[in-house]
Protein backbone atom coordinates (compact mmCIF):
# COMPACT_ATOMS: atom_id res chain seq x y z
CA MET A 1 13.06 -68.59 113.26
CA GLU A 2 9.35 -68.09 112.88
CA ARG A 3 7.93 -70.28 110.13
CA ASN A 4 4.88 -69.81 107.94
CA GLU A 5 2.43 -72.61 107.20
CA LEU A 6 4.11 -73.73 103.98
CA GLU A 7 7.47 -73.93 105.74
CA LYS A 8 5.92 -75.94 108.57
CA ILE A 9 4.58 -78.42 106.03
CA ARG A 10 8.04 -78.85 104.55
CA LEU A 11 9.54 -79.31 108.02
CA GLU A 12 7.05 -82.14 108.52
CA LYS A 13 8.26 -83.71 105.27
CA ILE A 14 11.83 -83.61 106.63
CA GLU A 15 10.71 -85.43 109.76
CA ARG A 16 8.83 -88.00 107.69
CA MET A 17 11.84 -88.65 105.45
CA ARG A 18 14.11 -89.15 108.44
CA ALA A 19 11.58 -91.50 110.03
CA LEU A 20 11.86 -93.61 106.88
CA GLY A 21 15.67 -93.59 107.13
CA LYS A 22 16.17 -91.14 104.27
CA GLU A 23 18.48 -88.22 105.05
CA PRO A 24 17.28 -84.97 103.39
CA TYR A 25 20.77 -83.44 103.70
CA PRO A 26 23.33 -86.11 102.76
CA THR A 27 27.01 -85.29 103.01
CA SER A 28 27.88 -85.53 99.32
CA ALA A 29 26.68 -85.91 95.74
CA GLN A 30 28.13 -88.15 93.02
CA PRO A 31 27.17 -86.76 89.59
CA THR A 32 28.81 -88.33 86.56
CA HIS A 33 28.04 -85.39 84.27
CA ARG A 34 27.03 -81.78 84.52
CA ASN A 35 23.69 -81.31 82.81
CA LEU A 36 25.09 -79.60 79.73
CA GLU A 37 27.73 -82.31 79.39
CA ALA A 38 25.02 -84.97 79.46
CA LEU A 39 22.98 -83.19 76.78
CA LYS A 40 26.00 -82.83 74.53
CA ALA A 41 27.11 -86.43 75.13
CA PHE A 42 23.68 -87.72 74.12
CA GLU A 43 23.57 -85.56 70.98
CA SER A 44 27.06 -86.76 70.06
CA ALA A 45 26.02 -90.39 70.59
CA GLU A 46 22.97 -89.87 68.36
CA LEU A 47 25.20 -88.70 65.53
CA SER A 48 27.54 -91.68 65.86
CA GLU A 49 27.20 -94.39 63.20
CA GLU A 50 27.26 -97.04 65.93
CA SER A 51 24.47 -95.45 67.99
CA ALA A 52 21.77 -97.87 66.83
CA ASP A 53 23.62 -100.87 68.26
CA SER A 54 25.15 -99.24 71.34
CA GLU A 55 23.92 -99.36 74.91
CA PRO A 56 21.88 -96.39 76.17
CA LEU A 57 23.98 -93.60 77.62
CA THR A 58 23.71 -93.64 81.41
CA ALA A 59 24.26 -90.70 83.73
CA THR A 60 23.86 -89.49 87.29
CA LEU A 61 22.68 -85.88 87.33
CA VAL A 62 22.05 -83.33 90.06
CA GLY A 63 20.25 -80.03 90.29
CA ARG A 64 17.49 -77.90 91.75
CA ILE A 65 13.92 -78.88 90.90
CA ARG A 66 12.56 -76.04 88.76
CA ALA A 67 9.37 -77.59 87.40
CA MET A 68 7.34 -80.70 88.21
CA ARG A 69 4.33 -82.50 86.81
CA HIS A 70 2.73 -85.67 88.20
CA MET A 71 0.52 -87.79 85.93
CA GLY A 72 -0.56 -90.89 87.83
CA LYS A 73 2.05 -93.57 87.24
CA ILE A 74 4.57 -91.21 85.65
CA ALA A 75 6.09 -87.85 86.56
CA PHE A 76 8.18 -85.26 84.78
CA PHE A 77 10.60 -82.97 86.62
CA HIS A 78 12.93 -80.32 85.25
CA ILE A 79 16.14 -79.84 87.18
CA GLU A 80 18.79 -77.20 86.72
CA ASP A 81 22.44 -77.00 87.67
CA GLY A 82 24.85 -74.20 86.81
CA THR A 83 25.08 -75.29 83.17
CA ALA A 84 21.66 -76.31 81.84
CA ARG A 85 18.15 -77.54 82.52
CA ILE A 86 17.21 -81.13 81.78
CA GLN A 87 14.07 -83.21 82.14
CA LEU A 88 13.76 -86.19 84.47
CA PHE A 89 11.25 -88.91 83.62
CA PHE A 90 9.96 -91.12 86.44
CA ARG A 91 7.84 -94.24 85.88
CA ILE A 92 6.36 -96.47 88.52
CA ASN A 93 7.61 -99.57 86.67
CA GLU A 94 11.23 -98.65 87.42
CA ILE A 95 11.11 -96.95 90.81
CA GLY A 96 8.19 -98.76 92.42
CA GLU A 97 4.96 -97.58 93.98
CA ASP A 98 6.46 -96.54 97.33
CA LEU A 99 9.11 -94.29 95.81
CA MET A 100 6.61 -92.81 93.38
CA GLN A 101 4.43 -91.89 96.34
CA GLN A 102 7.40 -90.39 98.20
CA LEU A 103 8.31 -88.43 95.07
CA LYS A 104 4.84 -86.94 95.03
CA GLU A 105 4.55 -86.26 98.76
CA ASP A 106 8.06 -85.18 99.81
CA TYR A 107 9.64 -83.42 96.81
CA ASP A 108 8.92 -79.75 96.07
CA LEU A 109 10.06 -76.93 93.82
CA GLY A 110 13.43 -75.70 95.02
CA ASP A 111 14.65 -79.03 96.38
CA TYR A 112 17.96 -80.44 95.15
CA ILE A 113 17.86 -83.97 93.79
CA GLN A 114 20.28 -86.59 92.47
CA ALA A 115 18.95 -88.95 89.81
CA SER A 116 20.54 -91.86 87.94
CA GLY A 117 19.27 -93.51 84.78
CA SER A 118 19.56 -93.62 81.01
CA LEU A 119 19.25 -90.74 78.59
CA PHE A 120 16.67 -90.86 75.83
CA ARG A 121 14.67 -88.52 73.61
CA THR A 122 10.92 -88.22 74.24
CA LYS A 123 8.27 -88.25 71.52
CA THR A 124 8.25 -84.45 71.67
CA GLY A 125 12.00 -84.44 70.99
CA GLU A 126 13.24 -83.44 74.45
CA ILE A 127 16.38 -85.12 75.77
CA SER A 128 15.49 -86.59 79.18
CA LEU A 129 16.85 -88.88 81.87
CA HIS A 130 14.78 -92.03 82.42
CA VAL A 131 15.28 -92.30 86.18
CA HIS A 132 15.99 -95.64 87.88
CA HIS A 133 17.34 -94.32 91.19
CA PHE A 134 17.06 -90.97 92.95
CA HIS A 135 17.44 -89.35 96.35
CA MET A 136 17.21 -85.94 98.00
CA LEU A 137 20.35 -83.81 98.16
CA SER A 138 18.91 -80.81 100.00
CA LYS A 139 15.35 -80.13 101.12
CA ALA A 140 14.26 -76.50 100.62
CA ILE A 141 12.29 -75.37 103.66
CA THR A 142 11.28 -71.99 102.24
CA PRO A 143 9.38 -72.23 98.92
CA LEU A 144 10.84 -70.37 95.99
CA PRO A 145 9.07 -67.01 95.55
CA ALA A 146 5.73 -67.02 93.73
CA ALA A 147 4.90 -69.42 90.92
CA LYS A 148 3.39 -69.32 87.47
CA ASP A 149 1.92 -71.95 85.19
CA GLU A 150 3.30 -72.21 81.66
CA VAL A 151 1.68 -74.22 78.90
CA VAL A 152 4.27 -76.18 76.91
CA ASP A 153 3.04 -78.44 74.11
CA GLY A 154 -0.40 -78.40 75.61
CA LYS A 155 0.89 -79.38 79.06
CA VAL A 156 0.83 -77.21 82.17
CA ILE A 157 4.19 -76.87 83.92
CA ARG A 158 4.62 -74.89 87.13
CA HIS A 159 7.67 -72.64 87.41
CA ALA A 160 8.95 -70.52 90.26
CA THR A 161 9.27 -66.78 89.48
CA LEU A 162 10.24 -63.55 91.25
CA ASN A 163 9.49 -60.11 89.87
CA ASP A 164 9.40 -57.58 92.75
CA PRO A 165 12.63 -55.50 92.47
CA GLU A 166 12.86 -54.78 96.20
CA THR A 167 12.68 -58.48 97.07
CA ARG A 168 15.09 -59.35 94.27
CA TYR A 169 17.76 -56.97 95.60
CA ARG A 170 17.31 -57.94 99.25
CA GLN A 171 17.18 -61.67 98.53
CA ARG A 172 19.52 -61.94 95.57
CA TYR A 173 19.95 -65.66 96.26
CA ALA A 174 16.23 -66.13 95.56
CA ASP A 175 16.39 -63.87 92.50
CA LEU A 176 19.26 -65.88 91.01
CA ALA A 177 17.57 -69.16 91.88
CA VAL A 178 14.43 -68.42 89.90
CA ASN A 179 15.37 -65.82 87.27
CA PRO A 180 17.80 -67.01 84.58
CA GLU A 181 17.86 -63.45 83.19
CA ALA A 182 19.46 -62.26 86.42
CA ARG A 183 22.10 -64.97 86.26
CA GLU A 184 22.93 -63.96 82.70
CA ILE A 185 23.63 -60.37 83.78
CA PHE A 186 26.32 -61.59 86.15
CA ARG A 187 27.79 -63.93 83.56
CA VAL A 188 28.16 -60.88 81.32
CA ARG A 189 29.74 -59.01 84.23
CA SER A 190 32.31 -61.76 84.73
CA LYS A 191 33.10 -61.85 81.01
CA THR A 192 33.48 -58.07 80.98
CA ILE A 193 36.09 -58.08 83.73
CA ARG A 194 37.93 -60.95 82.06
CA ALA A 195 37.96 -59.08 78.73
CA ILE A 196 39.36 -55.92 80.36
CA ARG A 197 42.14 -58.00 81.91
CA ASP A 198 42.92 -59.70 78.61
CA PHE A 199 43.08 -56.36 76.78
CA LEU A 200 45.50 -54.82 79.26
CA ASP A 201 47.59 -57.98 79.75
CA GLU A 202 48.11 -58.21 75.99
CA ARG A 203 49.56 -54.68 76.11
CA ASP A 204 52.11 -55.50 78.80
CA PHE A 205 50.25 -53.96 81.74
CA LEU A 206 50.95 -55.49 85.16
CA GLU A 207 47.97 -56.20 87.42
CA VAL A 208 48.67 -55.19 91.03
CA GLU A 209 46.86 -54.81 94.36
CA THR A 210 47.01 -51.68 96.50
CA PRO A 211 45.75 -51.02 100.05
CA ILE A 212 42.03 -50.78 100.75
CA LEU A 213 42.66 -49.34 104.20
CA GLN A 214 44.58 -46.08 103.77
CA PRO A 215 45.90 -43.53 106.27
CA ILE A 216 45.16 -40.73 103.80
CA TYR A 217 42.41 -41.05 101.21
CA GLY A 218 42.84 -39.45 97.80
CA GLY A 219 42.74 -39.75 94.04
CA ALA A 220 39.11 -38.63 93.66
CA ALA A 221 36.56 -36.13 94.90
CA ALA A 222 34.46 -38.09 97.38
CA ARG A 223 33.73 -38.41 101.08
CA PRO A 224 35.41 -41.51 102.55
CA PHE A 225 34.25 -44.15 105.00
CA VAL A 226 36.22 -43.91 108.24
CA THR A 227 37.33 -46.79 110.45
CA PHE A 228 39.77 -47.31 113.31
CA HIS A 229 42.66 -49.75 113.75
CA ASN A 230 42.60 -50.81 117.41
CA GLN A 231 46.15 -52.18 117.61
CA LEU A 232 47.81 -49.27 115.84
CA LYS A 233 45.41 -46.75 117.38
CA GLN A 234 45.12 -45.18 113.96
CA GLU A 235 42.20 -43.70 112.05
CA LEU A 236 42.01 -45.21 108.58
CA TYR A 237 39.88 -44.70 105.49
CA LEU A 238 38.42 -47.12 102.99
CA ARG A 239 39.95 -46.11 99.69
CA ILE A 240 38.00 -43.93 97.30
CA SER A 241 40.49 -44.54 94.47
CA PHE A 242 43.61 -46.56 93.62
CA GLU A 243 45.26 -43.62 91.90
CA LEU A 244 47.94 -42.34 94.25
CA TYR A 245 49.24 -45.83 95.08
CA LEU A 246 49.35 -46.92 91.45
CA LYS A 247 51.30 -43.77 90.55
CA ARG A 248 53.79 -44.57 93.31
CA LEU A 249 54.43 -47.83 91.43
CA ILE A 250 55.16 -45.88 88.25
CA VAL A 251 57.84 -44.04 90.23
CA GLY A 252 59.17 -47.42 91.33
CA GLY A 253 59.77 -48.56 87.76
CA PHE A 254 56.60 -50.36 86.67
CA ASP A 255 55.76 -48.47 83.47
CA ARG A 256 52.27 -49.92 82.98
CA VAL A 257 50.08 -50.97 85.90
CA TYR A 258 46.39 -51.57 86.52
CA GLU A 259 44.06 -52.69 89.26
CA ILE A 260 40.49 -53.96 89.21
CA GLY A 261 38.85 -53.83 92.60
CA ARG A 262 36.49 -52.18 95.04
CA ASP A 263 36.32 -48.50 95.89
CA PHE A 264 34.17 -47.06 98.68
CA ARG A 265 32.58 -43.60 98.62
CA ASN A 266 30.38 -42.34 101.43
CA GLU A 267 28.06 -40.42 99.16
CA GLY A 268 24.54 -40.48 97.76
CA VAL A 269 22.85 -43.52 96.26
CA SER A 270 21.20 -43.26 92.83
CA PHE A 271 20.49 -45.32 89.73
CA LYS A 272 24.21 -45.00 88.85
CA HIS A 273 25.83 -44.72 92.30
CA ASN A 274 26.45 -47.32 94.99
CA PRO A 275 28.69 -46.72 98.05
CA GLU A 276 30.75 -49.79 97.12
CA PHE A 277 31.60 -50.27 93.46
CA THR A 278 34.11 -51.91 91.13
CA GLN A 279 36.70 -49.75 89.41
CA ILE A 280 39.36 -50.33 86.79
CA GLU A 281 42.29 -47.92 86.88
CA PHE A 282 45.43 -48.07 84.78
CA TYR A 283 48.51 -45.85 84.44
CA MET A 284 50.82 -45.78 81.47
CA ALA A 285 54.22 -44.08 81.48
CA TYR A 286 55.20 -41.92 78.49
CA ALA A 287 51.57 -41.46 77.41
CA ASP A 288 49.28 -38.42 77.43
CA TYR A 289 45.52 -38.01 77.43
CA HIS A 290 45.32 -38.35 73.65
CA SER A 291 47.02 -41.76 73.88
CA ILE A 292 44.62 -42.77 76.66
CA MET A 293 41.58 -41.69 74.61
CA GLU A 294 42.66 -44.04 71.83
CA LEU A 295 43.39 -46.85 74.27
CA THR A 296 40.01 -46.34 75.98
CA GLU A 297 37.86 -46.50 72.86
CA ASN A 298 39.74 -49.57 71.66
CA MET A 299 39.39 -51.28 75.05
CA VAL A 300 35.63 -50.73 75.26
CA ALA A 301 35.21 -51.92 71.67
CA TYR A 302 37.30 -55.00 72.48
CA VAL A 303 35.11 -55.77 75.50
CA CYS A 304 31.96 -55.47 73.36
CA ASP A 305 33.45 -57.82 70.77
CA LYS A 306 34.37 -60.41 73.39
CA VAL A 307 31.22 -60.18 75.51
CA LEU A 308 28.45 -59.38 73.02
CA GLY A 309 29.99 -60.21 69.66
CA SER A 310 28.84 -56.79 68.47
CA ARG A 311 29.78 -53.13 68.84
CA THR A 312 26.16 -52.01 68.78
CA ILE A 313 24.27 -51.86 72.06
CA GLN A 314 20.73 -50.92 73.03
CA PHE A 315 20.31 -48.70 76.07
CA ARG A 316 17.24 -46.74 77.19
CA GLY A 317 15.75 -46.98 73.73
CA ASN A 318 18.93 -45.71 72.05
CA THR A 319 20.99 -47.64 69.53
CA ILE A 320 24.61 -46.88 70.39
CA ASP A 321 27.65 -47.67 68.25
CA ILE A 322 30.76 -48.25 70.39
CA SER A 323 33.11 -48.47 67.39
CA PRO A 324 36.17 -46.16 67.44
CA PRO A 325 36.81 -43.36 66.87
CA TRP A 326 34.58 -41.70 69.45
CA ARG A 327 33.50 -38.08 69.14
CA ARG A 328 35.89 -35.51 70.70
CA LEU A 329 34.22 -32.40 72.19
CA GLU A 330 35.99 -29.62 74.07
CA LEU A 331 34.31 -29.09 77.46
CA ARG A 332 34.09 -25.32 77.06
CA GLN A 333 32.44 -25.64 73.64
CA GLY A 334 30.04 -28.30 74.90
CA LEU A 335 28.88 -26.05 77.75
CA ILE A 336 28.43 -23.09 75.40
CA GLU A 337 26.26 -25.23 73.10
CA THR A 338 24.06 -26.66 75.87
CA THR A 339 23.92 -23.84 78.46
CA GLY A 340 24.98 -20.71 76.64
CA ILE A 341 27.61 -20.06 79.31
CA ASP A 342 31.29 -19.59 78.48
CA ILE A 343 33.31 -20.68 81.50
CA ASN A 344 36.38 -18.85 80.19
CA GLN A 345 34.44 -15.60 80.51
CA ASN A 346 33.63 -16.44 84.14
CA PRO A 347 36.96 -17.02 85.94
CA THR A 348 35.54 -16.79 89.49
CA GLY A 349 32.77 -18.49 91.39
CA GLU A 350 30.97 -15.16 91.80
CA SER A 351 30.95 -14.34 88.07
CA LEU A 352 29.81 -17.88 87.19
CA GLU A 353 27.00 -17.63 89.76
CA THR A 354 25.86 -14.42 88.08
CA ALA A 355 25.88 -16.07 84.64
CA MET A 356 23.95 -19.09 85.91
CA LYS A 357 21.42 -16.88 87.68
CA ALA A 358 20.86 -14.92 84.48
CA LYS A 359 20.08 -18.18 82.64
CA GLY A 360 17.77 -19.42 85.41
CA TYR A 361 20.01 -22.34 86.42
CA ALA A 362 19.87 -23.62 89.99
CA PHE A 363 23.01 -23.50 92.14
CA LYS A 364 24.10 -23.41 95.75
CA PRO A 365 25.15 -19.84 96.60
CA GLY A 366 28.77 -19.50 97.65
CA SER A 367 29.88 -22.70 95.91
CA PRO A 368 33.44 -22.83 94.53
CA ARG A 369 33.74 -22.32 90.78
CA GLY A 370 34.66 -25.97 90.29
CA LYS A 371 31.42 -27.18 91.89
CA LEU A 372 29.37 -24.83 89.72
CA ILE A 373 31.08 -26.14 86.57
CA ASP A 374 30.46 -29.72 87.71
CA SER A 375 26.76 -28.96 88.15
CA LEU A 376 26.52 -27.48 84.64
CA ILE A 377 28.18 -30.58 83.20
CA GLY A 378 26.05 -33.05 85.16
CA ASP A 379 22.70 -31.30 84.79
CA TYR A 380 22.86 -30.05 81.22
CA LEU A 381 25.77 -31.31 79.13
CA GLU A 382 26.07 -34.94 80.25
CA PRO A 383 22.45 -35.95 79.42
CA SER A 384 22.96 -34.80 75.81
CA LEU A 385 25.95 -37.10 75.17
CA ILE A 386 24.24 -40.26 73.90
CA GLN A 387 26.74 -41.60 71.39
CA PRO A 388 30.25 -42.25 72.80
CA THR A 389 31.93 -38.90 73.39
CA PHE A 390 35.18 -37.73 74.96
CA LEU A 391 34.68 -34.40 76.71
CA TYR A 392 38.16 -32.91 77.05
CA ASP A 393 40.15 -29.99 78.52
CA TYR A 394 38.82 -29.41 82.03
CA PRO A 395 39.40 -26.43 84.33
CA ARG A 396 42.13 -26.77 86.92
CA ASP A 397 39.49 -26.06 89.60
CA ILE A 398 38.06 -29.59 89.29
CA SER A 399 41.19 -31.46 88.21
CA PRO A 400 43.71 -31.42 91.08
CA LEU A 401 45.76 -34.33 89.74
CA ALA A 402 45.82 -33.47 86.02
CA LYS A 403 48.61 -31.72 84.12
CA SER A 404 48.02 -28.16 82.97
CA LYS A 405 47.71 -27.42 79.26
CA PRO A 406 50.82 -25.77 77.79
CA GLY A 407 50.24 -22.03 77.60
CA ASP A 408 47.02 -22.11 79.68
CA PRO A 409 47.60 -22.96 83.36
CA SER A 410 43.87 -22.56 84.11
CA MET A 411 43.03 -25.66 82.03
CA THR A 412 44.20 -29.28 82.30
CA GLU A 413 44.71 -32.21 79.94
CA ARG A 414 41.79 -34.22 81.24
CA PHE A 415 38.90 -36.02 79.56
CA GLU A 416 35.79 -37.89 80.61
CA GLY A 417 34.07 -40.46 78.43
CA PHE A 418 30.28 -40.39 78.17
CA VAL A 419 27.90 -42.95 76.71
CA ALA A 420 24.09 -42.88 76.78
CA GLY A 421 24.04 -39.65 78.78
CA MET A 422 26.14 -41.18 81.54
CA GLU A 423 29.75 -40.70 82.60
CA LEU A 424 31.69 -43.88 81.93
CA CYS A 425 35.34 -42.98 82.56
CA ASN A 426 37.76 -40.27 83.64
CA ALA A 427 41.39 -39.78 82.56
CA PHE A 428 44.28 -37.32 82.62
CA THR A 429 47.69 -36.53 81.41
CA GLU A 430 48.97 -36.99 84.95
CA LEU A 431 50.59 -34.18 86.86
CA ASN A 432 54.22 -35.13 87.55
CA ASP A 433 55.59 -31.83 88.88
CA PRO A 434 55.78 -32.23 92.70
CA LEU A 435 55.88 -28.47 93.30
CA ASP A 436 52.77 -27.88 91.20
CA GLN A 437 51.06 -30.83 92.90
CA GLU A 438 51.79 -29.45 96.37
CA GLN A 439 50.28 -26.12 95.36
CA ARG A 440 47.14 -27.89 94.06
CA PHE A 441 46.71 -29.69 97.40
CA ILE A 442 47.03 -26.35 99.23
CA GLU A 443 44.45 -24.73 96.94
CA MET A 444 41.96 -27.57 97.44
CA GLY A 445 42.39 -27.35 101.21
CA ARG A 446 41.85 -23.59 101.18
CA ASP A 447 38.92 -23.35 98.76
CA TYR A 448 36.81 -26.18 100.20
CA GLU A 449 35.42 -26.60 103.70
CA SER A 450 36.76 -29.43 105.87
CA ASP A 451 33.65 -31.59 105.43
CA ASP A 452 33.30 -30.94 101.68
CA GLU A 453 33.59 -34.12 99.64
CA GLU A 454 35.44 -32.22 96.89
CA ARG A 455 38.27 -31.32 99.27
CA HIS A 456 41.46 -33.26 98.52
CA PRO A 457 43.73 -33.86 101.54
CA MET A 458 47.45 -33.17 101.48
CA ASP A 459 49.43 -36.40 100.96
CA GLU A 460 53.06 -35.74 101.88
CA ASP A 461 54.22 -39.27 101.14
CA TYR A 462 52.79 -39.04 97.62
CA LEU A 463 54.65 -35.75 97.15
CA ARG A 464 57.83 -37.46 98.39
CA ALA A 465 57.33 -40.20 95.80
CA MET A 466 56.89 -37.60 93.06
CA SER A 467 60.07 -35.88 94.22
CA TYR A 468 62.10 -38.98 93.33
CA GLY A 469 61.08 -38.37 89.72
CA MET A 470 57.82 -39.36 88.05
CA PRO A 471 57.82 -39.93 84.28
CA PRO A 472 55.17 -38.32 82.10
CA MET A 473 52.15 -40.60 81.99
CA GLY A 474 48.48 -41.00 81.24
CA GLY A 475 46.02 -42.36 83.79
CA PHE A 476 42.51 -43.76 83.49
CA GLY A 477 39.62 -44.82 85.72
CA MET A 478 36.28 -46.44 84.83
CA GLY A 479 33.38 -47.81 86.83
CA VAL A 480 32.93 -51.43 85.76
CA ASP A 481 29.35 -51.45 87.05
CA ARG A 482 28.32 -48.71 84.63
CA LEU A 483 29.95 -50.52 81.72
CA VAL A 484 27.99 -53.66 82.62
CA MET A 485 24.80 -51.55 82.81
CA LEU A 486 25.43 -50.47 79.22
CA LEU A 487 26.22 -53.98 77.98
CA THR A 488 23.11 -55.51 79.59
CA ASN A 489 20.69 -52.59 79.05
CA GLN A 490 19.99 -52.22 82.76
CA GLN A 491 18.60 -48.92 83.98
CA THR A 492 19.93 -49.07 87.54
CA ILE A 493 23.25 -50.07 89.05
CA ARG A 494 21.41 -52.32 91.51
CA GLU A 495 20.68 -54.74 88.68
CA VAL A 496 24.38 -55.35 88.02
CA LEU A 497 25.53 -55.62 91.66
CA LEU A 498 25.01 -58.97 93.31
CA PHE A 499 24.36 -57.41 96.70
CA PRO A 500 23.55 -53.68 96.38
CA HIS A 501 23.31 -51.48 99.47
CA LEU A 502 19.71 -50.74 100.50
CA ARG A 503 17.94 -48.93 103.25
CA LYS A 504 16.94 -50.96 106.29
CA LEU A 505 13.75 -52.89 105.62
CA GLU A 506 11.82 -51.00 108.29
CA GLU A 507 12.67 -47.73 106.52
């Protein structure tokens, strides 16, 4: 690798340390406490009645050097592990002149250090480790990005920082190393997934795993990624949804199942889309879309309680109350209010095109009716839904897996949940009539071109499973990434993905 001048200087420090018999990359570390444990242990000892007569609390701590300040015969470092930051205090009286000089010459921001000594509280009140012994755990060759000076109690402390979004996404390891705010986002993400699991587990749902590589993709309207199995000589697809496999399990006798995992959709990238994303899907026998609405609003509220301790969130300058019950709005009525178009009065793609043209709305000529309705929802209705809203009763054209409404075969029992002008979830009363399902597959294949991402392929094995008897059920899917965006007030999905997909650097 080509090295810049700062990296070359650090490489020289590695050589110097090894010449002195000090290994910059030892094989192990021996901490006695994590940093937060040490802080709590010291505070507990201070409160003890016997603390005045007891021996000082000793500890061996490890962590990355995040700040450093040399002041002649003393030095102050701040180190950080995965739990907390703590100050190290070095004094020439304890470590000697040679080690103090090595500390100054060979240790840099970003290095990992192990230090042993006794804990005490400084005159400014900060709990610190008075270091008696220390050594390098890992020498950082590349300096942490940028640096800023912060004045604390009249003293200048240098901290590493990183602000450029492009660099942060491409070098997430550097972003996490220097930005505690970024680490907090992913702690919230982890808590969110755990809370979803707890909510469903408490309601007797079974967590399962279904294939990522599938011979027939389905369960959503999206273009798949294609791969090839060399041994089986078989074209396979990365799944775009868990749906059809989870519903097979309902046929098999598991009445309540869910899966949290990755889906892959070979489609556009935007502030709310990434080709690889995390999805939660669950299916519940003997439920309909009204039952799933209630379950959904209670689940999201539960997650907010567990993760934030509040049901009020801030997002894009809006104060949003997640508390149930959420607003219910019929799709047709919502479109009439926002666009002035009644989809029931426009039963064909041609008539809907005419209505959209009369209103001055953009559309792709010759598009199927379902695509035109989707564009009206996404461009005009969705942005208006700031407070949590269930948009319900969708046309059959765009709901190939949802059950038709009694008395109106052109509409289905489907809803989507919207928060802050963004789609959060999608759910149906699931279609369980295999003959009706087969006809839907045929219609989708006829009305959409072969390369259209809305086209749903025929899945004969799924139809076979349905033919064994599928109980009535409700199904649900939600993008976890979007939920985390809402909980952390992040404006782009890239902020809540550890390693988002980006264009090549040269592009």
